[in-house]
Amino acid sequence: MQIVGYDTVDAGLLLSDATDGSGDAVGVEYVPLDPGTTLDYRLGDRRCAGVVTDDGHRPCDAAAAPHCPVHDSTWVCARCTGTCLKDEMDCFDDHAVYLAAFAPDTFKVGVTKRHRLETRLREQGADRGAHVRTVENGRIAREIEAGLAGWIPDRVRIPTKRAGLGRSVDEAAWEALLDDFDPIETFDFDYGLDLSERPVAETLASGRIRGAKGRLLVLDLAGSTYAVDLRALVGYEVRTGGTDRRLQSSLGAFG
């Protein structure tokens, strides 16, 4: 089996039983990452995860992981700053411009389709969110985002999000940011992780699931708590039997 993708909406892993790079589509198994359940996978070799389509998983035997140049694609709209990069603009639905907070005091600006706003905030593992503008299409939204990105970052890296696990948002700093806007709606998320110690950054797929926060999966194993970037698992061949890696112990309780 190979881990070929992940789901940050409902929290899950996509596994394929592909064994070669023939290109023929094979079935994909969805493994839910429900709190309280246990993962029991040992990581093996890692290679390109190929591509998952409506027909199933099309494997690739290239050594590059998680994806080789052929299968490594970036959503073109993510690079847009108001000038459409497609042959023809197609983002005519209402879009939301939003702010997101990540504990303790990291903030970002972003855009998404209006109906996906809360889902998008959860996908990123945001602790707080604020809907600050609604506009008629994605081009206008990206223009506004690009303007705000001069003083509010438009991306937050996984190590920063991981460092905030178990911590609280600096409410004074968040409210000070919102003072420059007139939010239409605000959000406050709780991912139920109930952390009393600092999770260790690790790449493994074994342990009792505490929960997921965006791309970060939190696992308890052998008396320690680990935070795993789901993207770091993509491409690994796995088999049952639990990890055989030497793992660092937890970093201790929060001060």
C-alpha atoms as a PDB file:
ATOM      1  CA  MET A   1       0.000   0.000   0.000  1.00  0.00           C
ATOM      2  CA  GLN A   2       1.052   3.597  -0.605  1.00  0.00           C
ATOM      3  CA  ILE A   3      -0.184   6.828   0.961  1.00  0.00           C
ATOM      4  CA  VAL A   4      -1.231   8.901  -2.054  1.00  0.00           C
ATOM      5  CA  GLY A   5      -3.109  11.820  -0.512  1.00  0.00           C
ATOM      6  CA  TYR A   6      -4.954  13.240   2.464  1.00  0.00           C
ATOM      7  CA  ASP A   7      -8.162  15.047   3.338  1.00  0.00           C
ATOM      8  CA  THR A   8      -8.091  18.114   5.595  1.00  0.00           C
ATOM      9  CA  VAL A   9     -11.867  18.671   5.541  1.00  0.00           C
ATOM     10  CA  ASP A  10     -12.959  15.497   7.357  1.00  0.00           C
ATOM     11  CA  ALA A  11      -9.402  14.334   8.232  1.00  0.00           C
ATOM     12  CA  GLY A  12      -8.380  11.205   6.360  1.00  0.00           C
ATOM     13  CA  LEU A  13      -5.634   9.449   4.423  1.00  0.00           C
ATOM     14  CA  LEU A  14      -5.903   8.104   0.869  1.00  0.00           C
ATOM     15  CA  LEU A  15      -4.220   4.737   0.347  1.00  0.00           C
ATOM     16  CA  SER A  16      -3.633   2.847  -2.885  1.00  0.00           C
ATOM     17  CA  ASP A  17      -2.568  -0.732  -3.467  1.00  0.00           C
ATOM     18  CA  ALA A  18      -0.636   0.225  -6.605  1.00  0.00           C
ATOM     19  CA  THR A  19       2.727  -1.516  -6.848  1.00  0.00           C
ATOM     20  CA  ASP A  20       4.180  -0.134 -10.076  1.00  0.00           C
ATOM     21  CA  GLY A  21       4.177   2.814 -12.439  1.00  0.00           C
ATOM     22  CA  SER A  22       2.082   1.228 -15.179  1.00  0.00           C
ATOM     23  CA  GLY A  23      -0.272   4.205 -15.207  1.00  0.00           C
ATOM     24  CA  ASP A  24      -3.396   2.040 -14.913  1.00  0.00           C
ATOM     25  CA  ALA A  25      -5.911   3.458 -12.445  1.00  0.00           C
ATOM     26  CA  VAL A  26      -6.474   1.468  -9.256  1.00  0.00           C
ATOM     27  CA  GLY A  27      -8.856   1.855  -6.365  1.00  0.00           C
ATOM     28  CA  VAL A  28      -8.258   4.237  -3.477  1.00  0.00           C
ATOM     29  CA  GLU A  29      -9.023   3.393   0.140  1.00  0.00           C
ATOM     30  CA  TYR A  30     -10.099   6.206   2.465  1.00  0.00           C
ATOM     31  CA  VAL A  31      -8.794   5.857   6.029  1.00  0.00           C
ATOM     32  CA  PRO A  32     -10.600   8.236   8.419  1.00  0.00           C
ATOM     33  CA  LEU A  33      -8.473   9.871  11.094  1.00  0.00           C
ATOM     34  CA  ASP A  34     -11.098   9.851  13.816  1.00  0.00           C
ATOM     35  CA  PRO A  35     -10.082  10.917  17.338  1.00  0.00           C
ATOM     36  CA  GLY A  36      -9.700   7.936  19.656  1.00  0.00           C
ATOM     37  CA  THR A  37      -8.893   5.451  16.888  1.00  0.00           C
ATOM     38  CA  THR A  38      -5.460   3.952  16.274  1.00  0.00           C
ATOM     39  CA  LEU A  39      -3.157   3.994  13.256  1.00  0.00           C
ATOM     40  CA  ASP A  40      -0.825   1.019  12.896  1.00  0.00           C
ATOM     41  CA  TYR A  41       1.295   1.672   9.816  1.00  0.00           C
ATOM     42  CA  ARG A  42       5.034   1.250   9.372  1.00  0.00           C
ATOM     43  CA  LEU A  43       6.622   3.569   6.800  1.00  0.00           C
ATOM     44  CA  GLY A  44       8.731   1.991   4.081  1.00  0.00           C
ATOM     45  CA  ASP A  45      10.258   3.433   0.915  1.00  0.00           C
ATOM     46  CA  ARG A  46       8.994   6.728  -0.475  1.00  0.00           C
ATOM     47  CA  ARG A  47       8.397   7.590  -4.109  1.00  0.00           C
ATOM     48  CA  CYS A  48       6.137   9.744  -6.271  1.00  0.00           C
ATOM     49  CA  ALA A  49       2.487   9.417  -5.256  1.00  0.00           C
ATOM     50  CA  GLY A  50       1.271   9.742  -8.836  1.00  0.00           C
ATOM     51  CA  VAL A  51      -2.131  11.343  -9.189  1.00  0.00           C
ATOM     52  CA  VAL A  52      -5.612  10.682  -7.813  1.00  0.00           C
ATOM     53  CA  THR A  53      -8.439  11.278 -10.298  1.00  0.00           C
ATOM     54  CA  ASP A  54     -12.139  10.504 -10.449  1.00  0.00           C
ATOM     55  CA  ASP A  55     -11.158   7.123 -11.948  1.00  0.00           C
ATOM     56  CA  GLY A  56      -8.879   6.221  -9.059  1.00  0.00           C
ATOM     57  CA  HIS A  57      -5.153   6.412  -8.417  1.00  0.00           C
ATOM     58  CA  ARG A  58      -2.659   6.431 -11.274  1.00  0.00           C
ATOM     59  CA  PRO A  59       0.690   5.343  -9.807  1.00  0.00           C
ATOM     60  CA  CYS A  60       4.164   6.534 -10.718  1.00  0.00           C
ATOM     61  CA  ASP A  61       7.485   4.844  -9.977  1.00  0.00           C
ATOM     62  CA  ALA A  62       9.633   8.015 -10.080  1.00  0.00           C
ATOM     63  CA  ALA A  63      11.903   8.412  -7.064  1.00  0.00           C
ATOM     64  CA  ALA A  64      10.993  12.061  -6.384  1.00  0.00           C
ATOM     65  CA  ALA A  65       8.540  12.465  -3.489  1.00  0.00           C
ATOM     66  CA  PRO A  66       5.895  13.364  -2.701  1.00  0.00           C
ATOM     67  CA  HIS A  67       5.515  14.065  -6.437  1.00  0.00           C
ATOM     68  CA  CYS A  68       7.839  14.027  -9.422  1.00  0.00           C
ATOM     69  CA  PRO A  69       7.907  17.020 -11.828  1.00  0.00           C
ATOM     70  CA  VAL A  70       5.258  15.381 -14.021  1.00  0.00           C
ATOM     71  CA  HIS A  71       2.779  15.095 -11.144  1.00  0.00           C
ATOM     72  CA  ASP A  72       3.779  18.152  -9.109  1.00  0.00           C
ATOM     73  CA  SER A  73       1.251  20.854  -9.910  1.00  0.00           C
ATOM     74  CA  THR A  74       0.318  24.140  -8.252  1.00  0.00           C
ATOM     75  CA  TRP A  75      -3.215  25.471  -8.520  1.00  0.00           C
ATOM     76  CA  VAL A  76      -2.851  28.397 -10.905  1.00  0.00           C
ATOM     77  CA  CYS A  77      -5.377  30.547  -9.004  1.00  0.00           C
ATOM     78  CA  ALA A  78      -3.161  30.412  -5.908  1.00  0.00           C
ATOM     79  CA  ARG A  79      -0.614  32.558  -7.775  1.00  0.00           C
ATOM     80  CA  CYS A  80      -3.153  35.131  -8.944  1.00  0.00           C
ATOM     81  CA  THR A  81      -2.833  38.715  -7.722  1.00  0.00           C
ATOM     82  CA  GLY A  82      -5.663  40.115  -9.821  1.00  0.00           C
ATOM     83  CA  THR A  83      -4.420  39.422 -13.339  1.00  0.00           C
ATOM     84  CA  CYS A  84      -5.954  36.114 -14.448  1.00  0.00           C
ATOM     85  CA  LEU A  85      -3.351  33.479 -15.343  1.00  0.00           C
ATOM     86  CA  LYS A  86      -5.828  31.216 -17.143  1.00  0.00           C
ATOM     87  CA  ASP A  87      -6.751  31.343 -20.830  1.00  0.00           C
ATOM     88  CA  GLU A  88     -10.213  32.450 -19.735  1.00  0.00           C
ATOM     89  CA  MET A  89     -11.328  33.755 -16.336  1.00  0.00           C
ATOM     90  CA  ASP A  90     -13.897  31.482 -14.658  1.00  0.00           C
ATOM     91  CA  CYS A  91     -14.097  32.667 -11.031  1.00  0.00           C
ATOM     92  CA  PHE A  92     -17.391  34.527 -11.205  1.00  0.00           C
ATOM     93  CA  ASP A  93     -18.946  33.355  -7.911  1.00  0.00           C
ATOM     94  CA  ASP A  94     -18.966  35.505  -4.796  1.00  0.00           C
ATOM     95  CA  HIS A  95     -15.612  35.408  -3.004  1.00  0.00           C
ATOM     96  CA  ALA A  96     -14.731  36.193   0.599  1.00  0.00           C
ATOM     97  CA  VAL A  97     -11.634  38.019   1.764  1.00  0.00           C
ATOM     98  CA  TYR A  98     -10.751  36.765   5.227  1.00  0.00           C
ATOM     99  CA  LEU A  99      -8.250  37.048   8.048  1.00  0.00           C
ATOM    100  CA  ALA A 100      -7.041  34.001   9.972  1.00  0.00           C
ATOM    101  CA  ALA A 101      -5.269  33.741  13.316  1.00  0.00           C
ATOM    102  CA  PHE A 102      -2.884  30.968  14.348  1.00  0.00           C
ATOM    103  CA  ALA A 103      -1.839  30.729  17.988  1.00  0.00           C
ATOM    104  CA  PRO A 104      -0.281  32.538  19.543  1.00  0.00           C
ATOM    105  CA  ASP A 105       0.064  35.646  17.359  1.00  0.00           C
ATOM    106  CA  THR A 106       0.457  34.794  13.661  1.00  0.00           C
ATOM    107  CA  PHE A 107      -2.114  36.234  11.255  1.00  0.00           C
ATOM    108  CA  LYS A 108      -2.738  35.916   7.527  1.00  0.00           C
ATOM    109  CA  VAL A 109      -5.025  37.244   4.815  1.00  0.00           C
ATOM    110  CA  GLY A 110      -6.663  34.948   2.273  1.00  0.00           C
ATOM    111  CA  VAL A 111      -9.493  34.540  -0.214  1.00  0.00           C
ATOM    112  CA  THR A 112     -11.894  31.734  -0.974  1.00  0.00           C
ATOM    113  CA  LYS A 113     -15.289  31.167  -2.526  1.00  0.00           C
ATOM    114  CA  ARG A 114     -17.875  32.613  -0.175  1.00  0.00           C
ATOM    115  CA  HIS A 115     -19.650  29.297   0.445  1.00  0.00           C
ATOM    116  CA  ARG A 116     -16.340  27.629   1.419  1.00  0.00           C
ATOM    117  CA  LEU A 117     -15.192  30.204   3.956  1.00  0.00           C
ATOM    118  CA  GLU A 118     -15.572  28.219   7.175  1.00  0.00           C
ATOM    119  CA  THR A 119     -14.329  25.036   5.487  1.00  0.00           C
ATOM    120  CA  ARG A 120     -11.256  26.845   4.168  1.00  0.00           C
ATOM    121  CA  LEU A 121     -10.390  28.209   7.602  1.00  0.00           C
ATOM    122  CA  ARG A 122     -10.648  24.715   9.096  1.00  0.00           C
ATOM    123  CA  GLU A 123      -8.553  23.238   6.261  1.00  0.00           C
ATOM    124  CA  GLN A 124      -5.749  25.594   7.272  1.00  0.00           C
ATOM    125  CA  GLY A 125      -6.093  24.838  10.980  1.00  0.00           C
ATOM    126  CA  ALA A 126      -6.962  28.433  11.869  1.00  0.00           C
ATOM    127  CA  ASP A 127      -7.816  29.183  15.501  1.00  0.00           C
ATOM    128  CA  ARG A 128      -9.760  32.333  14.658  1.00  0.00           C
ATOM    129  CA  GLY A 129     -11.206  33.733  11.466  1.00  0.00           C
ATOM    130  CA  ALA A 130     -12.832  36.935  10.296  1.00  0.00           C
ATOM    131  CA  HIS A 131     -14.781  37.539   7.083  1.00  0.00           C
ATOM    132  CA  VAL A 132     -13.897  41.106   6.105  1.00  0.00           C
ATOM    133  CA  ARG A 133     -15.129  41.566   2.516  1.00  0.00           C
ATOM    134  CA  THR A 134     -17.430  39.885  -0.005  1.00  0.00           C
ATOM    135  CA  VAL A 135     -16.790  40.636  -3.678  1.00  0.00           C
ATOM    136  CA  GLU A 136     -18.344  39.451  -6.915  1.00  0.00           C
ATOM    137  CA  ASN A 137     -15.454  37.430  -8.330  1.00  0.00           C
ATOM    138  CA  GLY A 138     -12.063  35.953  -7.603  1.00  0.00           C
ATOM    139  CA  ARG A 139     -10.101  38.568  -9.564  1.00  0.00           C
ATOM    140  CA  ILE A 140     -11.271  41.412  -7.320  1.00  0.00           C
ATOM    141  CA  ALA A 141     -10.687  39.282  -4.219  1.00  0.00           C
ATOM    142  CA  ARG A 142      -7.101  38.531  -5.277  1.00  0.00           C
ATOM    143  CA  GLU A 143      -6.446  42.215  -5.925  1.00  0.00           C
ATOM    144  CA  ILE A 144      -7.591  43.057  -2.398  1.00  0.00           C
ATOM    145  CA  GLU A 145      -5.543  40.185  -0.950  1.00  0.00           C
ATOM    146  CA  ALA A 146      -2.419  41.331  -2.801  1.00  0.00           C
ATOM    147  CA  GLY A 147      -2.876  44.843  -1.423  1.00  0.00           C
ATOM    148  CA  LEU A 148      -3.263  43.621   2.157  1.00  0.00           C
ATOM    149  CA  ALA A 149      -0.371  41.167   1.815  1.00  0.00           C
ATOM    150  CA  GLY A 150       1.973  44.141   1.970  1.00  0.00           C
ATOM    151  CA  TRP A 151       1.425  44.222   5.747  1.00  0.00           C
ATOM    152  CA  ILE A 152      -0.443  40.991   6.567  1.00  0.00           C
ATOM    153  CA  PRO A 153       1.211  37.740   5.357  1.00  0.00           C
ATOM    154  CA  ASP A 154      -0.757  35.630   2.874  1.00  0.00           C
ATOM    155  CA  ARG A 155       0.681  32.303   4.006  1.00  0.00           C
ATOM    156  CA  VAL A 156       1.731  30.572   7.220  1.00  0.00           C
ATOM    157  CA  ARG A 157       4.203  27.683   7.213  1.00  0.00           C
ATOM    158  CA  ILE A 158       3.597  24.360   8.930  1.00  0.00           C
ATOM    159  CA  PRO A 159       6.409  24.786  11.524  1.00  0.00           C
ATOM    160  CA  THR A 160       4.739  27.999  12.710  1.00  0.00           C
ATOM    161  CA  LYS A 161       1.361  26.274  12.980  1.00  0.00           C
ATOM    162  CA  ARG A 162       2.942  23.332  14.785  1.00  0.00           C
ATOM    163  CA  ALA A 163       4.627  25.658  17.292  1.00  0.00           C
ATOM    164  CA  GLY A 164       1.194  27.039  18.186  1.00  0.00           C
ATOM    165  CA  LEU A 165      -0.416  23.687  18.993  1.00  0.00           C
ATOM    166  CA  GLY A 166      -1.938  23.749  22.455  1.00  0.00           C
ATOM    167  CA  ARG A 167      -1.433  27.507  22.829  1.00  0.00           C
ATOM    168  CA  SER A 168      -4.031  30.275  22.940  1.00  0.00           C
ATOM    169  CA  VAL A 169      -4.446  33.148  20.519  1.00  0.00           C
ATOM    170  CA  ASP A 170      -3.198  36.521  21.733  1.00  0.00           C
ATOM    171  CA  GLU A 171      -6.654  38.082  21.901  1.00  0.00           C
ATOM    172  CA  ALA A 172      -5.343  41.630  22.284  1.00  0.00           C
ATOM    173  CA  ALA A 173      -3.243  41.329  19.109  1.00  0.00           C
ATOM    174  CA  TRP A 174      -6.138  39.739  17.185  1.00  0.00           C
ATOM    175  CA  GLU A 175      -8.598  42.420  18.260  1.00  0.00           C
ATOM    176  CA  ALA A 176      -6.079  45.123  17.385  1.00  0.00           C
ATOM    177  CA  LEU A 177      -5.846  43.701  13.856  1.00  0.00           C
ATOM    178  CA  LEU A 178      -9.638  43.561  13.516  1.00  0.00           C
ATOM    179  CA  ASP A 179      -9.876  47.205  14.611  1.00  0.00           C
ATOM    180  CA  ASP A 180      -8.642  48.111  11.124  1.00  0.00           C
ATOM    181  CA  PHE A 181     -11.590  46.291   9.561  1.00  0.00           C
ATOM    182  CA  ASP A 182     -15.328  45.917  10.073  1.00  0.00           C
ATOM    183  CA  PRO A 183     -15.789  42.122  10.101  1.00  0.00           C
ATOM    184  CA  ILE A 184     -18.964  40.716   8.589  1.00  0.00           C
ATOM    185  CA  GLU A 185     -18.601  37.540  10.663  1.00  0.00           C
ATOM    186  CA  THR A 186     -16.015  36.033  13.007  1.00  0.00           C
ATOM    187  CA  PHE A 187     -15.137  32.416  13.809  1.00  0.00           C
ATOM    188  CA  ASP A 188     -13.612  30.660  16.821  1.00  0.00           C
ATOM    189  CA  PHE A 189     -12.455  27.064  16.278  1.00  0.00           C
ATOM    190  CA  ASP A 190     -11.726  24.282  18.752  1.00  0.00           C
ATOM    191  CA  TYR A 191     -10.096  21.138  17.378  1.00  0.00           C
ATOM    192  CA  GLY A 192     -10.427  19.154  20.612  1.00  0.00           C
ATOM    193  CA  LEU A 193      -6.737  18.291  20.925  1.00  0.00           C
ATOM    194  CA  ASP A 194      -6.622  18.924  24.701  1.00  0.00           C
ATOM    195  CA  LEU A 195      -2.834  19.206  24.795  1.00  0.00           C
ATOM    196  CA  SER A 196      -0.932  19.456  28.075  1.00  0.00           C
ATOM    197  CA  GLU A 197       2.532  18.989  26.578  1.00  0.00           C
ATOM    198  CA  ARG A 198       4.335  20.181  23.489  1.00  0.00           C
ATOM    199  CA  PRO A 199       3.956  17.725  20.583  1.00  0.00           C
ATOM    200  CA  VAL A 200       7.143  16.570  18.904  1.00  0.00           C
ATOM    201  CA  ALA A 201       7.529  17.100  15.152  1.00  0.00           C
ATOM    202  CA  GLU A 202       7.741  13.634  13.608  1.00  0.00           C
ATOM    203  CA  THR A 203       6.851  11.670  10.478  1.00  0.00           C
ATOM    204  CA  LEU A 204       4.997   8.529  11.462  1.00  0.00           C
ATOM    205  CA  ALA A 205       1.630   6.846  10.981  1.00  0.00           C
ATOM    206  CA  SER A 206       1.330   4.902  14.230  1.00  0.00           C
ATOM    207  CA  GLY A 207      -0.417   5.729  17.474  1.00  0.00           C
ATOM    208  CA  ARG A 208      -3.706   6.733  19.005  1.00  0.00           C
ATOM    209  CA  ILE A 209      -5.225   9.680  17.169  1.00  0.00           C
ATOM    210  CA  ARG A 210      -5.814  12.707  19.350  1.00  0.00           C
ATOM    211  CA  GLY A 211      -7.151  14.769  16.444  1.00  0.00           C
ATOM    212  CA  ALA A 212      -6.252  16.820  13.396  1.00  0.00           C
ATOM    213  CA  LYS A 213      -5.813  20.560  12.920  1.00  0.00           C
ATOM    214  CA  GLY A 214      -5.562  21.351   9.244  1.00  0.00           C
ATOM    215  CA  ARG A 215      -2.614  19.400   7.833  1.00  0.00           C
ATOM    216  CA  LEU A 216      -1.337  18.506  11.300  1.00  0.00           C
ATOM    217  CA  LEU A 217      -2.242  15.106  12.732  1.00  0.00           C
ATOM    218  CA  VAL A 218      -1.661  14.718  16.480  1.00  0.00           C
ATOM    219  CA  LEU A 219      -0.865  11.202  17.739  1.00  0.00           C
ATOM    220  CA  ASP A 220      -0.115   9.668  21.136  1.00  0.00           C
ATOM    221  CA  LEU A 221       2.415   6.852  21.142  1.00  0.00           C
ATOM    222  CA  ALA A 222       4.383   5.240  23.963  1.00  0.00           C
ATOM    223  CA  GLY A 223       3.687   8.051  26.404  1.00  0.00           C
ATOM    224  CA  SER A 224       4.586  10.896  24.050  1.00  0.00           C
ATOM    225  CA  THR A 225       2.592  13.157  21.738  1.00  0.00           C
ATOM    226  CA  TYR A 226       3.594  13.789  18.128  1.00  0.00           C
ATOM    227  CA  ALA A 227       2.523  16.275  15.449  1.00  0.00           C
ATOM    228  CA  VAL A 228       2.688  14.909  11.902  1.00  0.00           C
ATOM    229  CA  ASP A 229       2.418  16.945   8.710  1.00  0.00           C
ATOM    230  CA  LEU A 230       0.072  14.864   6.551  1.00  0.00           C
ATOM    231  CA  ARG A 231       1.841  16.041   3.414  1.00  0.00           C
ATOM    232  CA  ALA A 232       5.071  14.531   4.746  1.00  0.00           C
ATOM    233  CA  LEU A 233       3.391  11.101   4.681  1.00  0.00           C
ATOM    234  CA  VAL A 234       2.403  11.259   1.001  1.00  0.00           C
ATOM    235  CA  GLY A 235       4.389   8.873  -1.175  1.00  0.00           C
ATOM    236  CA  TYR A 236       5.371   6.425   1.553  1.00  0.00           C
ATOM    237  CA  GLU A 237       4.747   2.729   1.111  1.00  0.00           C
ATOM    238  CA  VAL A 238       3.173   1.370   4.280  1.00  0.00           C
ATOM    239  CA  ARG A 239       2.359  -1.922   5.915  1.00  0.00           C
ATOM    240  CA  THR A 240       0.717  -2.719   9.203  1.00  0.00           C
ATOM    241  CA  GLY A 241       2.833  -3.382  12.248  1.00  0.00           C
ATOM    242  CA  GLY A 242       3.533   0.002  13.766  1.00  0.00           C
ATOM    243  CA  THR A 243       6.609   2.183  13.529  1.00  0.00           C
ATOM    244  CA  ASP A 244      10.106   0.827  14.004  1.00  0.00           C
ATOM    245  CA  ARG A 245      11.722   4.270  14.160  1.00  0.00           C
ATOM    246  CA  ARG A 246      13.550   5.682  17.174  1.00  0.00           C
ATOM    247  CA  LEU A 247      11.366   8.561  18.318  1.00  0.00           C
ATOM    248  CA  GLN A 248      12.109  11.601  20.423  1.00  0.00           C
ATOM    249  CA  SER A 249      10.111  11.853  23.644  1.00  0.00           C
ATOM    250  CA  SER A 250       7.669  14.675  24.308  1.00  0.00           C
ATOM    251  CA  LEU A 251       9.132  18.065  25.120  1.00  0.00           C
ATOM    252  CA  GLY A 252       7.331  18.455  28.436  1.00  0.00           C
ATOM    253  CA  ALA A 253       4.335  20.332  29.769  1.00  0.00           C
ATOM    254  CA  PHE A 254       3.550  23.888  28.747  1.00  0.00           C
ATOM    255  CA  GLY A 255       4.884  26.567  31.021  1.00  0.00           C
END
